[in-house]
């Protein structure tokens, strides 16, 4: 009985963290086999997202791309992430109200440009957490992982 309860609780926690990606324009590399990214820019359009959150997304994204062998210090494609919506409950609110306090999350538009500045791909990425577990760093990490997954899948599909 305890084992079943533990499995149910674990499943609920996993399902409470979610993300989605809506690809507006698949990345077009014009037949190039090697896909790499060398520049990551994070901007914040009229949201309450603090600068340290944007920097955390950038750091996690760079780390994810390095782990997937998609980041290079040399010349590569540019990734621009514009945070368009940011919702984060305070620690007190999360502890007091839990899932009834609403969900934490971030939405952004990802634009990939080649070395000549031509837009070669676009996507909208949304990451959120409805559980009382986790904080701003968890959302930043989850969002960066989702962006890296978009960039990695597109690179694999084209290369």
N, C-alpha and C. Protein backbone atom coordinates (compact mmCIF):
# COMPACT_ATOMS: atom_id res chain seq x y z
N UNK A 1 0.83 -1.20 0.00
CA UNK A 1 0.00 0.00 0.00
C UNK A 1 0.87 1.26 0.00
N UNK A 2 1.91 1.27 0.83
CA UNK A 2 2.80 2.43 0.88
C UNK A 2 3.53 2.62 -0.44
N UNK A 3 3.89 1.51 -1.07
CA UNK A 3 4.58 1.58 -2.35
C UNK A 3 3.67 2.19 -3.41
N UNK A 4 2.40 1.80 -3.43
CA UNK A 4 1.45 2.35 -4.40
C UNK A 4 1.24 3.84 -4.17
N UNK A 5 1.14 4.23 -2.90
CA UNK A 5 0.97 5.65 -2.57
C UNK A 5 2.18 6.46 -3.02
N UNK A 6 3.37 5.91 -2.80
CA UNK A 6 4.59 6.59 -3.22
C UNK A 6 4.63 6.75 -4.74
N UNK A 7 4.21 5.74 -5.47
CA UNK A 7 4.19 5.81 -6.93
C UNK A 7 3.21 6.87 -7.41
N UNK A 8 2.05 6.93 -6.79
CA UNK A 8 1.04 7.93 -7.15
C UNK A 8 1.55 9.34 -6.87
N UNK A 9 2.16 9.55 -5.70
CA UNK A 9 2.70 10.88 -5.37
C UNK A 9 3.81 11.28 -6.32
N UNK A 10 4.68 10.36 -6.63
CA UNK A 10 5.77 10.65 -7.56
C UNK A 10 5.23 11.00 -8.93
N UNK A 11 4.22 10.30 -9.39
CA UNK A 11 3.60 10.58 -10.68
C UNK A 11 2.95 11.96 -10.70
N UNK A 12 2.31 12.34 -9.61
CA UNK A 12 1.70 13.66 -9.52
C UNK A 12 2.74 14.76 -9.59
N UNK A 13 3.85 14.56 -8.91
CA UNK A 13 4.92 15.57 -8.93
C UNK A 13 5.48 15.72 -10.34
N UNK A 14 5.72 14.59 -11.01
CA UNK A 14 6.26 14.67 -12.37
C UNK A 14 5.28 15.32 -13.33
N UNK A 15 4.01 15.05 -13.18
CA UNK A 15 3.03 15.63 -14.11
C UNK A 15 2.76 17.09 -13.82
N UNK A 16 3.14 17.58 -12.67
CA UNK A 16 2.89 18.97 -12.31
C UNK A 16 3.89 19.92 -12.96
N UNK A 17 5.04 19.41 -13.37
CA UNK A 17 6.02 20.23 -14.07
C UNK A 17 5.85 19.94 -15.55
N UNK A 18 5.62 20.97 -16.32
CA UNK A 18 5.34 20.72 -17.72
C UNK A 18 5.89 21.85 -18.58
N UNK A 19 5.97 21.57 -19.85
CA UNK A 19 6.40 22.59 -20.79
C UNK A 19 5.85 22.24 -22.17
N UNK A 20 5.81 23.23 -23.01
CA UNK A 20 5.35 23.01 -24.37
C UNK A 20 6.15 23.89 -25.32
N UNK A 21 6.26 23.42 -26.53
CA UNK A 21 6.97 24.16 -27.56
C UNK A 21 6.10 24.22 -28.80
N UNK A 22 5.88 25.43 -29.29
CA UNK A 22 5.13 25.62 -30.53
C UNK A 22 6.10 26.19 -31.55
N UNK A 23 6.45 25.36 -32.53
CA UNK A 23 7.42 25.77 -33.53
C UNK A 23 6.72 26.60 -34.60
N UNK A 24 7.08 27.87 -34.69
CA UNK A 24 6.52 28.76 -35.69
C UNK A 24 7.23 28.58 -37.02
N UNK A 25 8.54 28.40 -36.94
CA UNK A 25 9.35 28.24 -38.15
C UNK A 25 10.46 27.26 -37.80
N UNK A 26 10.42 26.08 -38.38
CA UNK A 26 11.47 25.09 -38.13
C UNK A 26 12.81 25.65 -38.59
N UNK A 27 13.86 25.27 -37.91
CA UNK A 27 15.19 25.77 -38.25
C UNK A 27 15.60 25.25 -39.62
N UNK A 28 15.96 26.17 -40.50
CA UNK A 28 16.37 25.84 -41.86
C UNK A 28 17.85 26.15 -41.99
N UNK A 29 18.65 25.11 -42.15
CA UNK A 29 20.09 25.29 -42.25
C UNK A 29 20.58 25.22 -43.70
N UNK A 30 19.66 25.16 -44.64
CA UNK A 30 20.01 25.10 -46.07
C UNK A 30 20.98 23.96 -46.36
N UNK A 31 20.72 22.80 -45.78
CA UNK A 31 21.52 21.62 -46.07
C UNK A 31 22.78 21.47 -45.26
N UNK A 32 23.13 22.45 -44.44
CA UNK A 32 24.34 22.33 -43.63
C UNK A 32 24.16 21.20 -42.62
N UNK A 33 25.17 20.34 -42.52
CA UNK A 33 25.07 19.20 -41.62
C UNK A 33 25.39 19.56 -40.18
N UNK A 34 26.36 20.40 -39.98
CA UNK A 34 26.78 20.74 -38.62
C UNK A 34 25.96 21.93 -38.12
N UNK A 35 25.33 21.76 -36.98
CA UNK A 35 24.55 22.82 -36.38
C UNK A 35 25.24 23.21 -35.07
N UNK A 36 25.53 24.48 -34.92
CA UNK A 36 26.14 24.93 -33.67
C UNK A 36 25.65 26.33 -33.35
N UNK A 37 25.74 26.65 -32.07
CA UNK A 37 25.30 27.94 -31.56
C UNK A 37 26.45 28.55 -30.78
N UNK A 38 26.72 29.82 -31.04
CA UNK A 38 27.85 30.46 -30.37
C UNK A 38 27.44 31.68 -29.57
N UNK A 39 26.24 32.16 -29.75
CA UNK A 39 25.82 33.38 -29.09
C UNK A 39 24.41 33.20 -28.55
N UNK A 40 24.23 33.48 -27.27
CA UNK A 40 22.91 33.39 -26.64
C UNK A 40 22.59 34.75 -26.05
N UNK A 41 21.45 35.30 -26.45
CA UNK A 41 20.98 36.57 -25.89
C UNK A 41 19.63 36.37 -25.23
N UNK A 42 19.47 36.92 -24.06
CA UNK A 42 18.20 36.86 -23.34
C UNK A 42 17.69 38.28 -23.17
N UNK A 43 16.43 38.51 -23.57
CA UNK A 43 15.82 39.82 -23.36
C UNK A 43 14.50 39.63 -22.63
N UNK A 44 14.00 40.70 -22.09
CA UNK A 44 12.83 40.64 -21.23
C UNK A 44 11.86 41.73 -21.69
N UNK A 45 10.73 41.34 -22.29
CA UNK A 45 9.80 42.34 -22.81
C UNK A 45 8.64 42.56 -21.84
N UNK A 46 8.77 43.59 -21.06
CA UNK A 46 7.69 44.05 -20.19
C UNK A 46 7.16 42.99 -19.23
N UNK A 47 8.04 42.22 -18.63
CA UNK A 47 7.62 41.26 -17.61
C UNK A 47 8.30 41.62 -16.30
N UNK A 48 7.89 40.96 -15.25
CA UNK A 48 8.49 41.18 -13.94
C UNK A 48 9.65 40.24 -13.67
N UNK A 49 10.12 39.57 -14.70
CA UNK A 49 11.23 38.63 -14.51
C UNK A 49 12.48 39.38 -14.09
N UNK A 50 13.05 39.01 -12.95
CA UNK A 50 14.28 39.69 -12.51
C UNK A 50 15.46 39.33 -13.40
N UNK A 51 16.45 40.21 -13.42
CA UNK A 51 17.63 39.98 -14.27
C UNK A 51 18.33 38.68 -13.92
N UNK A 52 18.37 38.32 -12.63
CA UNK A 52 19.07 37.08 -12.27
C UNK A 52 18.33 35.84 -12.80
N UNK A 53 17.02 35.94 -13.01
CA UNK A 53 16.28 34.82 -13.63
C UNK A 53 16.71 34.67 -15.09
N UNK A 54 16.75 35.78 -15.82
CA UNK A 54 17.16 35.75 -17.23
C UNK A 54 18.58 35.22 -17.36
N UNK A 55 19.47 35.64 -16.46
CA UNK A 55 20.85 35.16 -16.50
C UNK A 55 20.93 33.67 -16.18
N UNK A 56 20.05 33.20 -15.28
CA UNK A 56 20.02 31.76 -14.96
C UNK A 56 19.57 30.95 -16.17
N UNK A 57 18.56 31.44 -16.89
CA UNK A 57 18.12 30.75 -18.11
C UNK A 57 19.27 30.68 -19.11
N UNK A 58 19.97 31.79 -19.27
CA UNK A 58 21.10 31.84 -20.21
C UNK A 58 22.20 30.85 -19.80
N UNK A 59 22.54 30.82 -18.52
CA UNK A 59 23.59 29.91 -18.04
C UNK A 59 23.20 28.45 -18.22
N UNK A 60 21.96 28.12 -17.85
CA UNK A 60 21.49 26.75 -18.01
C UNK A 60 21.42 26.36 -19.48
N UNK A 61 20.99 27.28 -20.34
CA UNK A 61 20.90 26.99 -21.77
C UNK A 61 22.28 26.73 -22.36
N UNK A 62 23.23 27.56 -21.99
CA UNK A 62 24.60 27.37 -22.48
C UNK A 62 25.14 26.02 -22.02
N UNK A 63 24.90 25.66 -20.78
CA UNK A 63 25.34 24.37 -20.25
C UNK A 63 24.67 23.21 -21.00
N UNK A 64 23.36 23.31 -21.23
CA UNK A 64 22.64 22.26 -21.97
C UNK A 64 23.19 22.10 -23.38
N UNK A 65 23.44 23.22 -24.06
CA UNK A 65 23.97 23.15 -25.42
C UNK A 65 25.38 22.56 -25.43
N UNK A 66 26.19 22.90 -24.42
CA UNK A 66 27.53 22.31 -24.33
C UNK A 66 27.43 20.81 -24.10
N UNK A 67 26.52 20.38 -23.24
CA UNK A 67 26.34 18.95 -22.97
C UNK A 67 25.89 18.19 -24.22
N UNK A 68 25.20 18.85 -25.12
CA UNK A 68 24.72 18.22 -26.35
C UNK A 68 25.70 18.46 -27.51
N UNK A 69 26.85 19.04 -27.21
CA UNK A 69 27.88 19.35 -28.21
C UNK A 69 27.32 20.27 -29.30
N UNK A 70 26.48 21.22 -28.91
CA UNK A 70 25.90 22.17 -29.86
C UNK A 70 26.40 23.60 -29.65
N UNK A 71 27.22 23.83 -28.62
CA UNK A 71 27.72 25.17 -28.35
C UNK A 71 29.18 25.24 -28.74
N UNK A 72 29.55 26.32 -29.39
CA UNK A 72 30.94 26.52 -29.78
C UNK A 72 31.34 27.97 -29.49
N UNK A 73 32.59 28.17 -29.17
CA UNK A 73 33.09 29.53 -28.97
C UNK A 73 33.36 30.20 -30.31
N UNK A 74 33.44 29.39 -31.36
CA UNK A 74 33.69 29.91 -32.70
C UNK A 74 32.39 30.43 -33.29
N UNK A 75 32.44 30.78 -34.54
CA UNK A 75 31.28 31.32 -35.23
C UNK A 75 30.19 30.28 -35.39
N UNK A 76 28.99 30.63 -34.95
CA UNK A 76 27.84 29.73 -35.06
C UNK A 76 26.57 30.55 -35.08
N UNK A 77 25.44 29.86 -35.07
CA UNK A 77 24.16 30.54 -35.08
C UNK A 77 23.90 31.25 -33.75
N UNK A 78 23.06 32.25 -33.79
CA UNK A 78 22.72 33.03 -32.62
C UNK A 78 21.33 32.63 -32.13
N UNK A 79 21.19 32.47 -30.83
CA UNK A 79 19.91 32.14 -30.21
C UNK A 79 19.47 33.36 -29.40
N UNK A 80 18.32 33.91 -29.75
CA UNK A 80 17.74 35.04 -29.01
C UNK A 80 16.49 34.55 -28.30
N UNK A 81 16.45 34.74 -26.99
CA UNK A 81 15.31 34.33 -26.18
C UNK A 81 14.69 35.60 -25.59
N UNK A 82 13.43 35.85 -25.94
CA UNK A 82 12.72 37.01 -25.41
C UNK A 82 11.65 36.51 -24.43
N UNK A 83 11.82 36.80 -23.16
CA UNK A 83 10.86 36.39 -22.14
C UNK A 83 9.63 37.28 -22.29
N UNK A 84 8.49 36.66 -22.59
CA UNK A 84 7.27 37.43 -22.84
C UNK A 84 6.27 37.34 -21.70
N UNK A 85 6.39 36.33 -20.85
CA UNK A 85 5.49 36.22 -19.70
C UNK A 85 6.25 35.51 -18.58
N UNK A 86 6.05 36.01 -17.37
CA UNK A 86 6.76 35.46 -16.21
C UNK A 86 5.81 35.49 -15.02
N UNK A 87 5.61 34.33 -14.40
CA UNK A 87 4.76 34.23 -13.22
C UNK A 87 5.50 33.41 -12.17
N UNK A 88 5.71 34.01 -11.01
CA UNK A 88 6.39 33.29 -9.94
C UNK A 88 5.76 33.65 -8.61
N UNK A 89 5.27 32.64 -7.92
CA UNK A 89 4.69 32.85 -6.59
C UNK A 89 5.82 33.03 -5.59
N UNK A 90 5.54 33.77 -4.54
CA UNK A 90 6.55 33.91 -3.49
C UNK A 90 6.64 32.60 -2.72
N UNK A 91 7.75 32.41 -2.04
CA UNK A 91 7.93 31.20 -1.23
C UNK A 91 6.86 31.06 -0.17
N UNK A 92 6.46 32.19 0.43
CA UNK A 92 5.42 32.17 1.45
C UNK A 92 4.08 31.72 0.85
N UNK A 93 3.74 32.26 -0.32
CA UNK A 93 2.48 31.90 -0.97
C UNK A 93 2.47 30.43 -1.36
N UNK A 94 3.60 29.95 -1.90
CA UNK A 94 3.68 28.53 -2.27
C UNK A 94 3.51 27.63 -1.05
N UNK A 95 4.16 28.01 0.05
CA UNK A 95 4.07 27.18 1.26
C UNK A 95 2.68 27.22 1.88
N UNK A 96 2.05 28.38 1.85
CA UNK A 96 0.75 28.55 2.49
C UNK A 96 -0.39 27.95 1.67
N UNK A 97 -0.39 28.19 0.36
CA UNK A 97 -1.53 27.79 -0.47
C UNK A 97 -1.23 26.62 -1.41
N UNK A 98 0.03 26.30 -1.63
CA UNK A 98 0.39 25.17 -2.50
C UNK A 98 -0.17 25.33 -3.90
N UNK A 99 -0.81 24.28 -4.42
CA UNK A 99 -1.32 24.31 -5.79
C UNK A 99 -2.45 25.33 -5.96
N UNK A 100 -3.08 25.74 -4.88
CA UNK A 100 -4.18 26.71 -4.97
C UNK A 100 -3.68 28.14 -5.20
N UNK A 101 -2.38 28.35 -5.10
CA UNK A 101 -1.81 29.68 -5.31
C UNK A 101 -1.59 29.98 -6.78
N UNK A 102 -1.80 29.02 -7.66
CA UNK A 102 -1.58 29.22 -9.09
C UNK A 102 -0.27 28.60 -9.50
N UNK A 103 0.03 28.69 -10.78
CA UNK A 103 1.24 28.05 -11.29
C UNK A 103 2.35 29.05 -11.52
N UNK A 104 3.56 28.58 -11.34
CA UNK A 104 4.75 29.35 -11.70
C UNK A 104 5.06 29.04 -13.15
N UNK A 105 5.58 30.01 -13.88
CA UNK A 105 5.92 29.69 -15.25
C UNK A 105 6.56 30.83 -16.00
N UNK A 106 7.03 30.49 -17.17
CA UNK A 106 7.66 31.46 -18.06
C UNK A 106 7.33 31.08 -19.50
N UNK A 107 7.06 32.09 -20.31
CA UNK A 107 6.84 31.94 -21.74
C UNK A 107 7.89 32.78 -22.45
N UNK A 108 8.39 32.28 -23.55
CA UNK A 108 9.34 33.07 -24.31
C UNK A 108 9.29 32.71 -25.78
N UNK A 109 9.81 33.60 -26.58
CA UNK A 109 9.94 33.35 -28.01
C UNK A 109 11.43 33.17 -28.29
N UNK A 110 11.75 32.09 -28.98
CA UNK A 110 13.13 31.78 -29.33
C UNK A 110 13.30 32.01 -30.82
N UNK A 111 14.29 32.82 -31.17
CA UNK A 111 14.58 33.11 -32.58
C UNK A 111 16.03 32.72 -32.84
N UNK A 112 16.24 31.94 -33.88
CA UNK A 112 17.58 31.51 -34.26
C UNK A 112 17.96 32.22 -35.56
N UNK A 113 19.12 32.87 -35.54
CA UNK A 113 19.62 33.54 -36.75
C UNK A 113 20.97 32.94 -37.12
N UNK A 114 21.26 32.93 -38.41
CA UNK A 114 22.55 32.41 -38.86
C UNK A 114 23.62 33.49 -38.71
N UNK A 115 24.83 33.19 -39.15
CA UNK A 115 25.95 34.12 -38.98
C UNK A 115 25.77 35.40 -39.79
N UNK A 116 24.88 35.37 -40.77
CA UNK A 116 24.60 36.56 -41.58
C UNK A 116 23.45 37.39 -41.03
N UNK A 117 22.83 36.93 -39.95
CA UNK A 117 21.71 37.65 -39.35
C UNK A 117 20.35 37.27 -39.89
N UNK A 118 20.28 36.27 -40.76
CA UNK A 118 19.02 35.84 -41.34
C UNK A 118 18.31 34.89 -40.35
N UNK A 119 17.02 35.14 -40.12
CA UNK A 119 16.24 34.28 -39.23
C UNK A 119 16.07 32.92 -39.89
N UNK A 120 16.52 31.88 -39.19
CA UNK A 120 16.41 30.53 -39.74
C UNK A 120 15.50 29.63 -38.90
N UNK A 121 14.95 30.15 -37.80
CA UNK A 121 14.03 29.35 -36.99
C UNK A 121 13.40 30.15 -35.87
N UNK A 122 12.15 29.78 -35.51
CA UNK A 122 11.42 30.45 -34.43
C UNK A 122 10.59 29.43 -33.67
N UNK A 123 10.45 29.68 -32.39
CA UNK A 123 9.61 28.81 -31.56
C UNK A 123 9.12 29.58 -30.35
N UNK A 124 7.94 29.22 -29.87
CA UNK A 124 7.44 29.73 -28.60
C UNK A 124 7.56 28.59 -27.60
N UNK A 125 8.18 28.88 -26.46
CA UNK A 125 8.41 27.86 -25.44
C UNK A 125 7.73 28.31 -24.15
N UNK A 126 7.00 27.40 -23.54
CA UNK A 126 6.29 27.67 -22.29
C UNK A 126 6.65 26.58 -21.29
N UNK A 127 7.08 26.99 -20.10
CA UNK A 127 7.41 26.04 -19.04
C UNK A 127 6.70 26.48 -17.78
N UNK A 128 6.10 25.51 -17.06
CA UNK A 128 5.40 25.88 -15.84
C UNK A 128 5.40 24.75 -14.83
N UNK A 129 5.12 25.12 -13.59
CA UNK A 129 5.10 24.20 -12.46
C UNK A 129 3.91 24.57 -11.58
N UNK A 130 2.97 23.65 -11.38
CA UNK A 130 1.80 23.94 -10.56
C UNK A 130 1.95 23.47 -9.12
N UNK A 131 3.02 22.76 -8.83
CA UNK A 131 3.22 22.26 -7.47
C UNK A 131 3.85 23.33 -6.59
N UNK A 132 3.76 23.13 -5.29
CA UNK A 132 4.38 24.05 -4.34
C UNK A 132 5.87 23.76 -4.21
N UNK A 133 6.34 22.69 -4.84
CA UNK A 133 7.73 22.30 -4.77
C UNK A 133 8.50 23.01 -5.88
N UNK A 134 9.67 23.51 -5.57
CA UNK A 134 10.51 24.15 -6.57
C UNK A 134 10.55 25.65 -6.39
N UNK A 135 11.47 26.27 -7.12
CA UNK A 135 11.63 27.71 -7.02
C UNK A 135 12.01 28.27 -8.38
N UNK A 136 12.44 29.51 -8.38
CA UNK A 136 12.78 30.22 -9.60
C UNK A 136 13.89 29.50 -10.38
N UNK A 137 14.89 28.97 -9.70
CA UNK A 137 15.98 28.27 -10.37
C UNK A 137 15.48 27.02 -11.09
N UNK A 138 14.52 26.33 -10.48
CA UNK A 138 13.96 25.13 -11.12
C UNK A 138 13.24 25.49 -12.42
N UNK A 139 12.48 26.57 -12.40
CA UNK A 139 11.77 27.01 -13.60
C UNK A 139 12.78 27.44 -14.67
N UNK A 140 13.84 28.17 -14.27
CA UNK A 140 14.86 28.60 -15.22
C UNK A 140 15.55 27.39 -15.86
N UNK A 141 15.90 26.40 -15.07
CA UNK A 141 16.55 25.20 -15.58
C UNK A 141 15.62 24.44 -16.53
N UNK A 142 14.37 24.26 -16.12
CA UNK A 142 13.40 23.54 -16.94
C UNK A 142 13.17 24.27 -18.27
N UNK A 143 13.10 25.59 -18.23
CA UNK A 143 12.88 26.38 -19.45
C UNK A 143 14.08 26.25 -20.39
N UNK A 144 15.28 26.33 -19.84
CA UNK A 144 16.48 26.20 -20.66
C UNK A 144 16.57 24.81 -21.28
N UNK A 145 16.19 23.78 -20.53
CA UNK A 145 16.19 22.42 -21.07
C UNK A 145 15.23 22.29 -22.24
N UNK A 146 14.07 22.92 -22.12
CA UNK A 146 13.08 22.85 -23.20
C UNK A 146 13.57 23.58 -24.45
N UNK A 147 14.21 24.73 -24.27
CA UNK A 147 14.76 25.47 -25.41
C UNK A 147 15.87 24.65 -26.07
N UNK A 148 16.75 24.06 -25.26
CA UNK A 148 17.84 23.23 -25.79
C UNK A 148 17.29 22.02 -26.54
N UNK A 149 16.20 21.46 -26.05
CA UNK A 149 15.59 20.31 -26.73
C UNK A 149 15.08 20.73 -28.11
N UNK A 150 14.46 21.90 -28.20
CA UNK A 150 14.02 22.42 -29.50
C UNK A 150 15.21 22.58 -30.44
N UNK A 151 16.28 23.20 -29.95
CA UNK A 151 17.46 23.42 -30.79
C UNK A 151 18.13 22.11 -31.17
N UNK A 152 18.19 21.16 -30.25
CA UNK A 152 18.81 19.87 -30.51
C UNK A 152 18.00 19.04 -31.50
N UNK A 153 16.70 18.96 -31.31
CA UNK A 153 15.86 18.19 -32.23
C UNK A 153 15.92 18.76 -33.63
N UNK A 154 15.89 20.06 -33.73
CA UNK A 154 15.96 20.69 -35.04
C UNK A 154 17.31 20.42 -35.70
N UNK A 155 18.37 20.45 -34.90
CA UNK A 155 19.71 20.19 -35.45
C UNK A 155 19.80 18.75 -35.95
N UNK A 156 19.27 17.81 -35.16
CA UNK A 156 19.31 16.40 -35.55
C UNK A 156 18.45 16.14 -36.79
N UNK A 157 17.31 16.79 -36.87
CA UNK A 157 16.41 16.57 -37.99
C UNK A 157 16.98 17.13 -39.29
N UNK A 158 17.80 18.17 -39.20
CA UNK A 158 18.36 18.79 -40.40
C UNK A 158 19.74 18.23 -40.74
N UNK A 159 20.44 17.65 -39.76
CA UNK A 159 21.82 17.26 -39.99
C UNK A 159 22.04 15.86 -40.27
